[in-house]
């Protein structure tokens, strides 16, 4: 059994994704924990067949689900790796993990993985989507889930972090090949984000990470979020979409990629702003 790290995975009806992920990490011989949200397909059976320890917990949002996972699994390795079910470890990242030497990271608390995101079979290479660094590996007991987020989830650590730029995760939600699934999912997400922004205005939520434009990836994201919240509702989706398509070269992502940037970068952001305006009218 791997003595360096363990995996935690969140699932909900992931029979289409979970075998792909578990196969990609099987050779690492690492203890694997799965927190399921009440799947009605074969997700739990698949997890058990790979030797994973499975627990269930009702889903509220991703940050709270990750918090529950970190608090309720007895991880006994120095490092924990948190993955989403629609991700998989590439051979390049597998090699880095397989050769991981804890002694070389004695002063490090967290490690960022690079990610390649795919939409309907197409790699989203531009528009700010690659390289894209996610803090996925952290010292057990140090990393925690940022509960000041209502939809996006991120891990936070105390101490130094480092970035692995060469190996990367692949993230591809095959359910999104059905565009109706994508729309329904983002309808739910828009409600969570609109509510979150309203709570930030009231001071109920705040940034857990110090915003720094030239800081580590989580700090840069916090800086851009601070900027985003200051922009006018209704206008900011167009500013963001233009920035993504022109300055971040999203226009070169091909037909499928451009559709993704439109849906995720403009349509979805406009929907969020509309729902914020509705909440304001109801509550004022």
C-alpha atoms as a PDB file:
ATOM      1  CA  UNK A   1       0.000   0.000   0.000  1.00  0.00           C
ATOM      2  CA  UNK A   2       1.214   3.497  -0.859  1.00  0.00           C
ATOM      3  CA  UNK A   3       2.662   5.135   2.246  1.00  0.00           C
ATOM      4  CA  UNK A   4       2.840   8.670   0.827  1.00  0.00           C
ATOM      5  CA  UNK A   5      -0.691   9.631  -0.162  1.00  0.00           C
ATOM      6  CA  UNK A   6      -4.349   8.632  -0.337  1.00  0.00           C
ATOM      7  CA  UNK A   7      -7.153   9.686  -2.680  1.00  0.00           C
ATOM      8  CA  UNK A   8     -10.557  11.108  -1.806  1.00  0.00           C
ATOM      9  CA  UNK A   9     -13.196  11.230  -4.546  1.00  0.00           C
ATOM     10  CA  UNK A  10     -16.697  12.732  -4.521  1.00  0.00           C
ATOM     11  CA  UNK A  11     -19.395  10.930  -6.504  1.00  0.00           C
ATOM     12  CA  UNK A  12     -23.025  11.101  -7.543  1.00  0.00           C
ATOM     13  CA  UNK A  13     -24.231   8.769 -10.305  1.00  0.00           C
ATOM     14  CA  UNK A  14     -20.740   8.513 -11.761  1.00  0.00           C
ATOM     15  CA  UNK A  15     -20.776   5.018 -13.255  1.00  0.00           C
ATOM     16  CA  UNK A  16     -19.763   6.574 -16.577  1.00  0.00           C
ATOM     17  CA  UNK A  17     -16.729   8.319 -15.047  1.00  0.00           C
ATOM     18  CA  UNK A  18     -15.562   6.434 -11.979  1.00  0.00           C
ATOM     19  CA  UNK A  19     -14.031   3.361 -13.690  1.00  0.00           C
ATOM     20  CA  UNK A  20     -11.964   5.665 -15.900  1.00  0.00           C
ATOM     21  CA  UNK A  21     -10.589   7.541 -12.894  1.00  0.00           C
ATOM     22  CA  UNK A  22      -9.977   4.472 -10.727  1.00  0.00           C
ATOM     23  CA  UNK A  23      -8.167   2.715 -13.570  1.00  0.00           C
ATOM     24  CA  UNK A  24      -5.893   5.736 -13.987  1.00  0.00           C
ATOM     25  CA  UNK A  25      -4.741   5.586 -10.346  1.00  0.00           C
ATOM     26  CA  UNK A  26      -4.929   1.839  -9.716  1.00  0.00           C
ATOM     27  CA  UNK A  27      -1.213   1.260 -10.271  1.00  0.00           C
ATOM     28  CA  UNK A  28      -0.311   3.736  -7.520  1.00  0.00           C
ATOM     29  CA  UNK A  29      -1.633   1.305  -4.880  1.00  0.00           C
ATOM     30  CA  UNK A  30      -2.974   4.179  -2.811  1.00  0.00           C
ATOM     31  CA  UNK A  31      -5.824   3.940  -0.344  1.00  0.00           C
ATOM     32  CA  UNK A  32      -8.957   5.399  -1.925  1.00  0.00           C
ATOM     33  CA  UNK A  33     -11.962   6.923  -0.178  1.00  0.00           C
ATOM     34  CA  UNK A  34     -15.236   7.739  -1.935  1.00  0.00           C
ATOM     35  CA  UNK A  35     -17.899  10.041  -0.522  1.00  0.00           C
ATOM     36  CA  UNK A  36     -21.129   9.447  -2.399  1.00  0.00           C
ATOM     37  CA  UNK A  37     -24.194  11.703  -2.423  1.00  0.00           C
ATOM     38  CA  UNK A  38     -26.793   8.959  -2.811  1.00  0.00           C
ATOM     39  CA  UNK A  39     -26.158   7.507  -6.255  1.00  0.00           C
ATOM     40  CA  UNK A  40     -28.912   5.408  -7.803  1.00  0.00           C
ATOM     41  CA  UNK A  41     -26.683   3.788 -10.434  1.00  0.00           C
ATOM     42  CA  UNK A  42     -23.717   1.411  -9.955  1.00  0.00           C
ATOM     43  CA  UNK A  43     -21.324   4.051  -8.610  1.00  0.00           C
ATOM     44  CA  UNK A  44     -21.020   2.584  -5.110  1.00  0.00           C
ATOM     45  CA  UNK A  45     -20.683  -0.962  -6.449  1.00  0.00           C
ATOM     46  CA  UNK A  46     -17.891   0.150  -8.806  1.00  0.00           C
ATOM     47  CA  UNK A  47     -16.052   1.964  -6.001  1.00  0.00           C
ATOM     48  CA  UNK A  48     -16.242  -1.112  -3.767  1.00  0.00           C
ATOM     49  CA  UNK A  49     -14.993  -3.356  -6.569  1.00  0.00           C
ATOM     50  CA  UNK A  50     -11.788  -1.293  -6.675  1.00  0.00           C
ATOM     51  CA  UNK A  51     -11.325  -1.612  -2.918  1.00  0.00           C
ATOM     52  CA  UNK A  52     -12.384   1.932  -2.041  1.00  0.00           C
ATOM     53  CA  UNK A  53     -13.844   2.794   1.339  1.00  0.00           C
ATOM     54  CA  UNK A  54     -17.257   4.309   0.681  1.00  0.00           C
ATOM     55  CA  UNK A  55     -19.383   6.610   2.820  1.00  0.00           C
ATOM     56  CA  UNK A  56     -22.509   8.568   1.961  1.00  0.00           C
ATOM     57  CA  UNK A  57     -23.610  12.082   2.832  1.00  0.00           C
ATOM     58  CA  UNK A  58     -26.509  14.200   1.512  1.00  0.00           C
ATOM     59  CA  UNK A  59     -25.274  16.833  -0.929  1.00  0.00           C
ATOM     60  CA  UNK A  60     -25.690  20.544  -0.179  1.00  0.00           C
ATOM     61  CA  UNK A  61     -22.859  22.023  -2.226  1.00  0.00           C
ATOM     62  CA  UNK A  62     -19.342  21.010  -3.218  1.00  0.00           C
ATOM     63  CA  UNK A  63     -17.447  22.944  -0.507  1.00  0.00           C
ATOM     64  CA  UNK A  64     -19.564  21.407   2.268  1.00  0.00           C
ATOM     65  CA  UNK A  65     -19.299  17.940   0.762  1.00  0.00           C
ATOM     66  CA  UNK A  66     -15.518  18.200   0.631  1.00  0.00           C
ATOM     67  CA  UNK A  67     -15.468  19.473   4.199  1.00  0.00           C
ATOM     68  CA  UNK A  68     -17.457  16.431   5.293  1.00  0.00           C
ATOM     69  CA  UNK A  69     -15.127  14.104   3.411  1.00  0.00           C
ATOM     70  CA  UNK A  70     -11.986  15.570   4.959  1.00  0.00           C
ATOM     71  CA  UNK A  71     -13.496  15.387   8.438  1.00  0.00           C
ATOM     72  CA  UNK A  72     -14.952  11.877   8.240  1.00  0.00           C
ATOM     73  CA  UNK A  73     -12.376   9.730   6.463  1.00  0.00           C
ATOM     74  CA  UNK A  74      -9.508   8.502   8.627  1.00  0.00           C
ATOM     75  CA  UNK A  75      -6.676   9.233   6.190  1.00  0.00           C
ATOM     76  CA  UNK A  76      -3.415   7.970   7.690  1.00  0.00           C
ATOM     77  CA  UNK A  77      -0.965   8.965   4.939  1.00  0.00           C
ATOM     78  CA  UNK A  78       1.093  12.197   5.042  1.00  0.00           C
ATOM     79  CA  UNK A  79      -0.636  13.533   1.927  1.00  0.00           C
ATOM     80  CA  UNK A  80      -4.208  13.614   0.639  1.00  0.00           C
ATOM     81  CA  UNK A  81      -5.243  14.053  -3.007  1.00  0.00           C
ATOM     82  CA  UNK A  82      -8.791  15.262  -3.685  1.00  0.00           C
ATOM     83  CA  UNK A  83     -10.235  14.450  -7.111  1.00  0.00           C
ATOM     84  CA  UNK A  84     -13.554  14.881  -8.871  1.00  0.00           C
ATOM     85  CA  UNK A  85     -15.094  11.791 -10.433  1.00  0.00           C
ATOM     86  CA  UNK A  86     -14.954  13.265 -13.943  1.00  0.00           C
ATOM     87  CA  UNK A  87     -11.188  13.721 -13.734  1.00  0.00           C
ATOM     88  CA  UNK A  88      -8.440  11.225 -14.476  1.00  0.00           C
ATOM     89  CA  UNK A  89      -4.704  11.045 -13.918  1.00  0.00           C
ATOM     90  CA  UNK A  90      -2.639  11.098 -17.112  1.00  0.00           C
ATOM     91  CA  UNK A  91       0.428   8.853 -17.541  1.00  0.00           C
ATOM     92  CA  UNK A  92       2.666  11.923 -17.097  1.00  0.00           C
ATOM     93  CA  UNK A  93       1.099  12.793 -13.746  1.00  0.00           C
ATOM     94  CA  UNK A  94       1.009   9.126 -12.771  1.00  0.00           C
ATOM     95  CA  UNK A  95       4.781   8.957 -13.251  1.00  0.00           C
ATOM     96  CA  UNK A  96       5.329  12.023 -11.044  1.00  0.00           C
ATOM     97  CA  UNK A  97       3.099  10.572  -8.327  1.00  0.00           C
ATOM     98  CA  UNK A  98       4.678   7.142  -8.604  1.00  0.00           C
ATOM     99  CA  UNK A  99       8.117   8.671  -8.040  1.00  0.00           C
ATOM    100  CA  UNK A 100       6.938  11.049  -5.309  1.00  0.00           C
ATOM    101  CA  UNK A 101       9.442  11.433  -2.483  1.00  0.00           C
ATOM    102  CA  UNK A 102       8.018  13.047   0.633  1.00  0.00           C
ATOM    103  CA  UNK A 103      11.485  14.037   1.820  1.00  0.00           C
ATOM    104  CA  UNK A 104      11.832  16.418  -1.134  1.00  0.00           C
ATOM    105  CA  UNK A 105       8.723  18.329  -0.021  1.00  0.00           C
ATOM    106  CA  UNK A 106       9.371  18.770   3.700  1.00  0.00           C
ATOM    107  CA  UNK A 107       8.705  22.523   3.505  1.00  0.00           C
ATOM    108  CA  UNK A 108       5.627  22.220   1.249  1.00  0.00           C
ATOM    109  CA  UNK A 109       2.014  22.033   2.421  1.00  0.00           C
ATOM    110  CA  UNK A 110       0.150  21.943  -0.897  1.00  0.00           C
ATOM    111  CA  UNK A 111       0.738  21.026  -4.538  1.00  0.00           C
ATOM    112  CA  UNK A 112      -1.073  22.421  -7.565  1.00  0.00           C
ATOM    113  CA  UNK A 113      -1.833  20.062 -10.465  1.00  0.00           C
ATOM    114  CA  UNK A 114      -2.227  21.327 -14.018  1.00  0.00           C
ATOM    115  CA  UNK A 115      -5.551  20.496 -15.705  1.00  0.00           C
ATOM    116  CA  UNK A 116      -6.768  19.975 -19.244  1.00  0.00           C
ATOM    117  CA  UNK A 117     -10.498  20.575 -19.578  1.00  0.00           C
ATOM    118  CA  UNK A 118     -12.509  18.884 -22.336  1.00  0.00           C
ATOM    119  CA  UNK A 119     -15.981  19.813 -23.523  1.00  0.00           C
ATOM    120  CA  UNK A 120     -17.880  17.428 -25.809  1.00  0.00           C
ATOM    121  CA  UNK A 121     -14.623  15.745 -26.758  1.00  0.00           C
ATOM    122  CA  UNK A 122     -12.753  18.972 -27.481  1.00  0.00           C
ATOM    123  CA  UNK A 123      -9.765  20.199 -25.456  1.00  0.00           C
ATOM    124  CA  UNK A 124     -10.392  23.778 -24.334  1.00  0.00           C
ATOM    125  CA  UNK A 125      -6.881  25.069 -24.865  1.00  0.00           C
ATOM    126  CA  UNK A 126      -7.457  28.834 -24.841  1.00  0.00           C
ATOM    127  CA  UNK A 127      -9.682  31.343 -23.104  1.00  0.00           C
ATOM    128  CA  UNK A 128      -7.765  31.023 -19.845  1.00  0.00           C
ATOM    129  CA  UNK A 129      -8.413  27.292 -19.552  1.00  0.00           C
ATOM    130  CA  UNK A 130      -4.883  25.990 -20.061  1.00  0.00           C
ATOM    131  CA  UNK A 131      -2.648  25.943 -18.211  1.00  0.00           C
ATOM    132  CA  UNK A 132      -5.045  25.903 -15.260  1.00  0.00           C
ATOM    133  CA  UNK A 133      -3.725  25.054 -11.816  1.00  0.00           C
ATOM    134  CA  UNK A 134      -5.779  23.426  -9.063  1.00  0.00           C
ATOM    135  CA  UNK A 135      -4.568  22.767  -5.540  1.00  0.00           C
ATOM    136  CA  UNK A 136      -5.286  19.038  -5.382  1.00  0.00           C
ATOM    137  CA  UNK A 137      -2.632  17.541  -3.101  1.00  0.00           C
ATOM    138  CA  UNK A 138      -2.041  18.691   0.455  1.00  0.00           C
ATOM    139  CA  UNK A 139      -0.663  17.544   3.754  1.00  0.00           C
ATOM    140  CA  UNK A 140      -3.278  15.543   5.607  1.00  0.00           C
ATOM    141  CA  UNK A 141      -4.773  17.638   8.381  1.00  0.00           C
ATOM    142  CA  UNK A 142      -3.488  20.866   6.846  1.00  0.00           C
ATOM    143  CA  UNK A 143      -5.678  21.229   3.773  1.00  0.00           C
ATOM    144  CA  UNK A 144      -9.317  22.186   4.200  1.00  0.00           C
ATOM    145  CA  UNK A 145     -12.300  23.056   2.036  1.00  0.00           C
ATOM    146  CA  UNK A 146     -13.114  26.737   1.555  1.00  0.00           C
ATOM    147  CA  UNK A 147     -16.607  27.027   3.034  1.00  0.00           C
ATOM    148  CA  UNK A 148     -16.837  30.691   2.028  1.00  0.00           C
ATOM    149  CA  UNK A 149     -17.634  29.455  -1.471  1.00  0.00           C
ATOM    150  CA  UNK A 150     -21.171  28.353  -2.314  1.00  0.00           C
ATOM    151  CA  UNK A 151     -20.483  26.606  -5.619  1.00  0.00           C
ATOM    152  CA  UNK A 152     -16.817  26.585  -6.615  1.00  0.00           C
ATOM    153  CA  UNK A 153     -14.756  24.353  -4.391  1.00  0.00           C
ATOM    154  CA  UNK A 154     -11.103  24.831  -3.557  1.00  0.00           C
ATOM    155  CA  UNK A 155      -8.686  23.512  -1.003  1.00  0.00           C
ATOM    156  CA  UNK A 156      -6.699  25.875   1.183  1.00  0.00           C
ATOM    157  CA  UNK A 157      -3.503  25.124   3.057  1.00  0.00           C
ATOM    158  CA  UNK A 158      -1.392  26.913   5.614  1.00  0.00           C
ATOM    159  CA  UNK A 159       2.162  27.180   4.426  1.00  0.00           C
ATOM    160  CA  UNK A 160       4.140  26.961   1.208  1.00  0.00           C
ATOM    161  CA  UNK A 161       2.751  25.560  -2.032  1.00  0.00           C
ATOM    162  CA  UNK A 162       4.347  24.427  -5.264  1.00  0.00           C
ATOM    163  CA  UNK A 163       3.095  23.839  -8.829  1.00  0.00           C
ATOM    164  CA  UNK A 164       3.561  20.737 -10.959  1.00  0.00           C
ATOM    165  CA  UNK A 165       3.426  22.073 -14.502  1.00  0.00           C
ATOM    166  CA  UNK A 166       4.383  18.966 -16.487  1.00  0.00           C
ATOM    167  CA  UNK A 167       1.962  16.268 -15.374  1.00  0.00           C
ATOM    168  CA  UNK A 168      -1.726  17.113 -15.582  1.00  0.00           C
ATOM    169  CA  UNK A 169      -5.245  15.937 -14.885  1.00  0.00           C
ATOM    170  CA  UNK A 170      -7.799  15.501 -17.627  1.00  0.00           C
ATOM    171  CA  UNK A 171     -11.264  16.740 -16.735  1.00  0.00           C
ATOM    172  CA  UNK A 172     -14.096  15.734 -19.041  1.00  0.00           C
ATOM    173  CA  UNK A 173     -17.704  15.400 -17.959  1.00  0.00           C
ATOM    174  CA  UNK A 174     -19.152  12.978 -20.473  1.00  0.00           C
ATOM    175  CA  UNK A 175     -22.667  13.758 -19.286  1.00  0.00           C
ATOM    176  CA  UNK A 176     -22.213  17.202 -20.850  1.00  0.00           C
ATOM    177  CA  UNK A 177     -22.261  15.602 -24.298  1.00  0.00           C
ATOM    178  CA  UNK A 178     -25.999  15.970 -23.705  1.00  0.00           C
ATOM    179  CA  UNK A 179     -26.408  19.744 -23.812  1.00  0.00           C
ATOM    180  CA  UNK A 180     -29.669  19.558 -21.841  1.00  0.00           C
ATOM    181  CA  UNK A 181     -27.670  18.164 -18.909  1.00  0.00           C
ATOM    182  CA  UNK A 182     -25.241  21.095 -19.190  1.00  0.00           C
ATOM    183  CA  UNK A 183     -28.072  23.648 -19.127  1.00  0.00           C
ATOM    184  CA  UNK A 184     -29.820  22.044 -16.154  1.00  0.00           C
ATOM    185  CA  UNK A 185     -26.565  21.832 -14.187  1.00  0.00           C
ATOM    186  CA  UNK A 186     -25.715  25.463 -14.815  1.00  0.00           C
ATOM    187  CA  UNK A 187     -29.242  26.539 -13.926  1.00  0.00           C
ATOM    188  CA  UNK A 188     -28.595  25.052 -10.477  1.00  0.00           C
ATOM    189  CA  UNK A 189     -25.135  26.605 -10.314  1.00  0.00           C
ATOM    190  CA  UNK A 190     -26.507  30.039 -11.201  1.00  0.00           C
ATOM    191  CA  UNK A 191     -28.810  29.929  -8.168  1.00  0.00           C
ATOM    192  CA  UNK A 192     -25.883  29.075  -5.870  1.00  0.00           C
ATOM    193  CA  UNK A 193     -23.646  31.810  -7.241  1.00  0.00           C
ATOM    194  CA  UNK A 194     -26.373  34.469  -7.183  1.00  0.00           C
ATOM    195  CA  UNK A 195     -27.121  33.648  -3.556  1.00  0.00           C
ATOM    196  CA  UNK A 196     -23.402  33.712  -2.760  1.00  0.00           C
ATOM    197  CA  UNK A 197     -22.925  37.171  -4.228  1.00  0.00           C
ATOM    198  CA  UNK A 198     -25.896  38.490  -2.285  1.00  0.00           C
ATOM    199  CA  UNK A 199     -24.366  37.115   0.906  1.00  0.00           C
ATOM    200  CA  UNK A 200     -21.015  38.703   0.088  1.00  0.00           C
ATOM    201  CA  UNK A 201     -22.700  42.096  -0.235  1.00  0.00           C
ATOM    202  CA  UNK A 202     -24.192  41.579   3.229  1.00  0.00           C
ATOM    203  CA  UNK A 203     -20.813  40.567   4.643  1.00  0.00           C
ATOM    204  CA  UNK A 204     -21.955  37.019   5.421  1.00  0.00           C
ATOM    205  CA  UNK A 205     -19.275  35.590   3.141  1.00  0.00           C
ATOM    206  CA  UNK A 206     -15.734  36.798   2.569  1.00  0.00           C
ATOM    207  CA  UNK A 207     -12.592  35.765   0.743  1.00  0.00           C
ATOM    208  CA  UNK A 208     -10.680  33.084   2.642  1.00  0.00           C
ATOM    209  CA  UNK A 209      -7.652  33.566   0.404  1.00  0.00           C
ATOM    210  CA  UNK A 210      -5.746  36.846   0.284  1.00  0.00           C
ATOM    211  CA  UNK A 211      -6.208  38.382  -3.188  1.00  0.00           C
ATOM    212  CA  UNK A 212      -2.881  38.891  -4.980  1.00  0.00           C
ATOM    213  CA  UNK A 213      -2.555  39.399  -8.727  1.00  0.00           C
ATOM    214  CA  UNK A 214       0.966  37.983  -8.786  1.00  0.00           C
ATOM    215  CA  UNK A 215       0.493  35.407  -6.037  1.00  0.00           C
ATOM    216  CA  UNK A 216      -0.103  31.667  -6.222  1.00  0.00           C
ATOM    217  CA  UNK A 217      -3.035  30.446  -8.397  1.00  0.00           C
ATOM    218  CA  UNK A 218      -5.677  30.591  -5.635  1.00  0.00           C
ATOM    219  CA  UNK A 219      -4.570  34.117  -4.708  1.00  0.00           C
ATOM    220  CA  UNK A 220      -4.786  35.232  -8.340  1.00  0.00           C
ATOM    221  CA  UNK A 221      -8.307  33.794  -8.627  1.00  0.00           C
ATOM    222  CA  UNK A 222      -9.281  35.666  -5.461  1.00  0.00           C
ATOM    223  CA  UNK A 223      -7.929  38.902  -6.960  1.00  0.00           C
ATOM    224  CA  UNK A 224      -9.930  38.467 -10.161  1.00  0.00           C
ATOM    225  CA  UNK A 225     -13.056  37.618  -8.169  1.00  0.00           C
ATOM    226  CA  UNK A 226     -12.683  40.842  -6.200  1.00  0.00           C
ATOM    227  CA  UNK A 227     -12.484  42.720  -9.478  1.00  0.00           C
ATOM    228  CA  UNK A 228     -15.483  40.845 -10.868  1.00  0.00           C
ATOM    229  CA  UNK A 229     -17.726  41.750  -7.940  1.00  0.00           C
ATOM    230  CA  UNK A 230     -16.991  45.452  -8.492  1.00  0.00           C
ATOM    231  CA  UNK A 231     -18.070  45.434 -12.151  1.00  0.00           C
ATOM    232  CA  UNK A 232     -21.611  46.480 -13.161  1.00  0.00           C
ATOM    233  CA  UNK A 233     -24.192  43.713 -13.401  1.00  0.00           C
ATOM    234  CA  UNK A 234     -25.231  43.015 -16.975  1.00  0.00           C
ATOM    235  CA  UNK A 235     -22.069  44.576 -18.404  1.00  0.00           C
ATOM    236  CA  UNK A 236     -19.485  42.327 -16.797  1.00  0.00           C
ATOM    237  CA  UNK A 237     -20.480  39.152 -18.736  1.00  0.00           C
ATOM    238  CA  UNK A 238     -19.740  40.947 -22.011  1.00  0.00           C
ATOM    239  CA  UNK A 239     -16.437  42.308 -20.705  1.00  0.00           C
ATOM    240  CA  UNK A 240     -15.414  38.857 -19.484  1.00  0.00           C
ATOM    241  CA  UNK A 241     -16.450  37.094 -22.687  1.00  0.00           C
ATOM    242  CA  UNK A 242     -14.583  39.629 -24.834  1.00  0.00           C
ATOM    243  CA  UNK A 243     -11.469  39.300 -22.675  1.00  0.00           C
ATOM    244  CA  UNK A 244     -11.652  35.532 -22.858  1.00  0.00           C
ATOM    245  CA  UNK A 245     -12.206  35.379 -26.611  1.00  0.00           C
ATOM    246  CA  UNK A 246      -9.769  38.107 -27.685  1.00  0.00           C
ATOM    247  CA  UNK A 247      -7.017  38.554 -25.119  1.00  0.00           C
ATOM    248  CA  UNK A 248      -7.019  34.920 -23.979  1.00  0.00           C
ATOM    249  CA  UNK A 249      -7.369  33.699 -27.580  1.00  0.00           C
ATOM    250  CA  UNK A 250     -10.567  31.709 -27.082  1.00  0.00           C
ATOM    251  CA  UNK A 251     -11.452  32.462 -30.689  1.00  0.00           C
ATOM    252  CA  UNK A 252      -8.825  29.891 -31.702  1.00  0.00           C
ATOM    253  CA  UNK A 253     -10.521  27.047 -29.822  1.00  0.00           C
ATOM    254  CA  UNK A 254     -12.501  25.836 -32.818  1.00  0.00           C
ATOM    255  CA  UNK A 255     -16.264  25.634 -33.249  1.00  0.00           C
ATOM    256  CA  UNK A 256     -16.903  23.451 -30.199  1.00  0.00           C
ATOM    257  CA  UNK A 257     -14.530  25.489 -28.054  1.00  0.00           C
ATOM    258  CA  UNK A 258     -16.123  28.768 -29.090  1.00  0.00           C
ATOM    259  CA  UNK A 259     -19.533  27.334 -28.198  1.00  0.00           C
ATOM    260  CA  UNK A 260     -18.179  26.413 -24.775  1.00  0.00           C
ATOM    261  CA  UNK A 261     -16.769  29.900 -24.195  1.00  0.00           C
ATOM    262  CA  UNK A 262     -20.088  31.443 -25.203  1.00  0.00           C
ATOM    263  CA  UNK A 263     -22.108  29.165 -22.930  1.00  0.00           C
ATOM    264  CA  UNK A 264     -19.807  29.258 -19.912  1.00  0.00           C
ATOM    265  CA  UNK A 265     -18.349  32.738 -20.334  1.00  0.00           C
ATOM    266  CA  UNK A 266     -21.385  34.744 -21.494  1.00  0.00           C
ATOM    267  CA  UNK A 267     -24.721  32.895 -21.315  1.00  0.00           C
ATOM    268  CA  UNK A 268     -24.073  31.522 -17.819  1.00  0.00           C
ATOM    269  CA  UNK A 269     -22.696  34.815 -16.476  1.00  0.00           C
ATOM    270  CA  UNK A 270     -25.699  36.719 -17.846  1.00  0.00           C
ATOM    271  CA  UNK A 271     -28.011  34.218 -16.156  1.00  0.00           C
ATOM    272  CA  UNK A 272     -26.260  34.755 -12.813  1.00  0.00           C
ATOM    273  CA  UNK A 273     -26.574  38.530 -13.128  1.00  0.00           C
ATOM    274  CA  UNK A 274     -30.269  38.234 -13.977  1.00  0.00           C
ATOM    275  CA  UNK A 275     -30.864  36.132 -10.875  1.00  0.00           C
ATOM    276  CA  UNK A 276     -28.948  38.592  -8.689  1.00  0.00           C
ATOM    277  CA  UNK A 277     -31.164  41.403  -9.975  1.00  0.00           C
ATOM    278  CA  UNK A 278     -34.260  39.305  -9.220  1.00  0.00           C
ATOM    279  CA  UNK A 279     -33.049  38.612  -5.682  1.00  0.00           C
ATOM    280  CA  UNK A 280     -32.430  42.311  -5.160  1.00  0.00           C
ATOM    281  CA  UNK A 281     -35.945  43.219  -6.298  1.00  0.00           C
ATOM    282  CA  UNK A 282     -37.521  40.620  -4.024  1.00  0.00           C
ATOM    283  CA  UNK A 283     -35.466  41.563  -0.954  1.00  0.00           C
ATOM    284  CA  UNK A 284     -35.374  45.358  -1.291  1.00  0.00           C
END
